[in-house]
Each structure stands twice: as structure tokens, then as C-alpha cells.
């Protein structure tokens, strides 16, 4: 086989403007992570990074790039291990902390633990990956670190923190702000839940697998097992899982994406707006939703949801507490 190499056409082009280059790169939204390692004395070190990327599944490889001018470059080179901690949308302050050159001890007041490789893992992240350095490559003014994932752990089920056009972008931010500012009406939220999840339940009665219904029931178990006042975060997670599992069981991607937004509304209301007091009186109604799903009773499932929302509203004056 003959390989033909074509000469590049001789065309005059303008030099790349670094400022415009950075601006246009910002048009691609990226997740945000804190990359951590250990100093020579064993103390934790870390920085904010949005250059994280997956490389390979077999072996499991990931990468991040670090400026050659970074004061932490020698630390990462000498350590031989690092961890990628993917931040949630509620951790924007943490991202700013690890990006600041004015804060000497980035870990002061930050909850973290040592992973199996001994690298610092930041608490409450979406996911963490502990890596050994597989390879390093110089590329312009950066060094690319390729790591082989040795340990990984899932975290919270919040949305990801996203960096876009030079600023943090919260997913469903406009709705989130309306909820926190109290500008989203209770009646509107209730109506949205009835319409969206009523439709999803009807679809789930036709499309859901037994395993998907099991997941909904497991979320109901989680709600009922997290009724102590100190268990509010677990109750919020279980409530979010209940509705997201219904969305998954409906097998409609467009409605599932809408349900993700409604889950954000639920989380923000339960965290910042309404007192999510335990409501054991509504336990049978969620069980009724699951029972109707197993019986493939679409009208019964949608009716049970409507009864659940009405009962919650009558008892609390606010939509969907736990």
C-alpha cells in the first residue's frame, strides 16, 4: 500500500491572539475538579482544575494538565500519585478557595480524608478518582499528567459545577434562583409535579422493568428510614432518588431531563426554603404508588401521586416536604 502525504497549502493566517483563544475555549462548558496530592512531609496539597478528562477504559486512565509556572508542579512530579475530586454545584466556594493564590493553607476548614493510596479526598464531591502517575508529557506551557485509576468512589447526587465563558454556571440556575428568592409559586410547583410525574408514572406502568420499580421502592425505604431531624441530608437524597427513579422508569429522555430540573427545585426548597419535617402519615401513599406500578395500574399510580401531593400540602402549607 502506498501512502501519499499531501503538502499543506501555503496560506497566510493571522497569529493566534491568546486572549481570544482563552475566550473561545470558554465556549466549551467543562466540569470543575480539585486535584490533590501530598507534599513531601505528608501534608495535603491541591488546586482547582477544569482540564480533567478521561483517556482510556482499559486500563482506566485519566488526565489533567498543570501550568509549568504552578508552584505545585514539583509536588505533583515528586509525589507519584494524585486524586481527582469532581465538585458539585454547591461547592463553588471550594473551587474558588483552591484556585486562590492568596490562601496559604487550602485545606484549612475543609472536610477531607485519606484514600487507600493516601491521597486527600475532599468530602461531599460527586466522585473521586485516586491515581498513580502513568505518564507525564510536556506540552507548551503545561505538563500533562496521565494517571491510572487505582481506586474510585461515588459521592453525592447533586448536579455538577460547570465552568462556562469565564464563570461558574449552575445547571437549572434560573429556576434555582427563583426557588431561593421565593418567586416560584407553590401552586405552580404542585401543578408541575402532578403533570410531569403523573405522565412519567403512566409511562412507567407500561415501560418500567421490575428492577426499576425495585429502585423506586428502595428510595421509599430510604425516606422512611431517614426520619430523624439530624438525617435531613439523607432524607433529601432519598426524596430526590424517589422522583429520579420514577423518571428513569418512564423511559422518555426529554421528560427525564425535565425531571432533573424539578429535582433541583426539590433539593433547593428542602435545603433552603421549607422546613422538611418528617411526615410518617404519608408513608402509605408512597407505598401505594409502588403497588400500583407493580400492578401496572396507570390511573392508580397517577392518582396516588396526586393524593400524596394534596396530603403533603394540607399538612404543611408547602409542597413536597419529606
Foldseek 3Di string as FASTA:
>chain_A
DDDDDDDDDDDDDDDDDVVVVVQVVLQDKFFKKWKWFAAPVLHIAIAIFRQKDWDDVVQTKIKGKDFPPDPCVVRVVPGQKMKIFTAFQVCVVLNVLRHDPVDDDSCVVFDWDADPVRITYGAQTQKMFIFGFPDWDDDPRIIMTMTGTDDMDGHAPHHTFMRHSHDTDHVLVVLLVCLLVVNDDQVNLLVVCLVLLLLLLLLLLVAADPVLLVQLVVLLVQLVVQQDPVSLVSNLRSVLSNQLSSLVSNPDVVSSVVSSSSSSSSSSCCVRNFPQHRDPVLSVLSVQLSVCSVVSNSVSNSVSVNVSQVVVCVVGVGGDRD
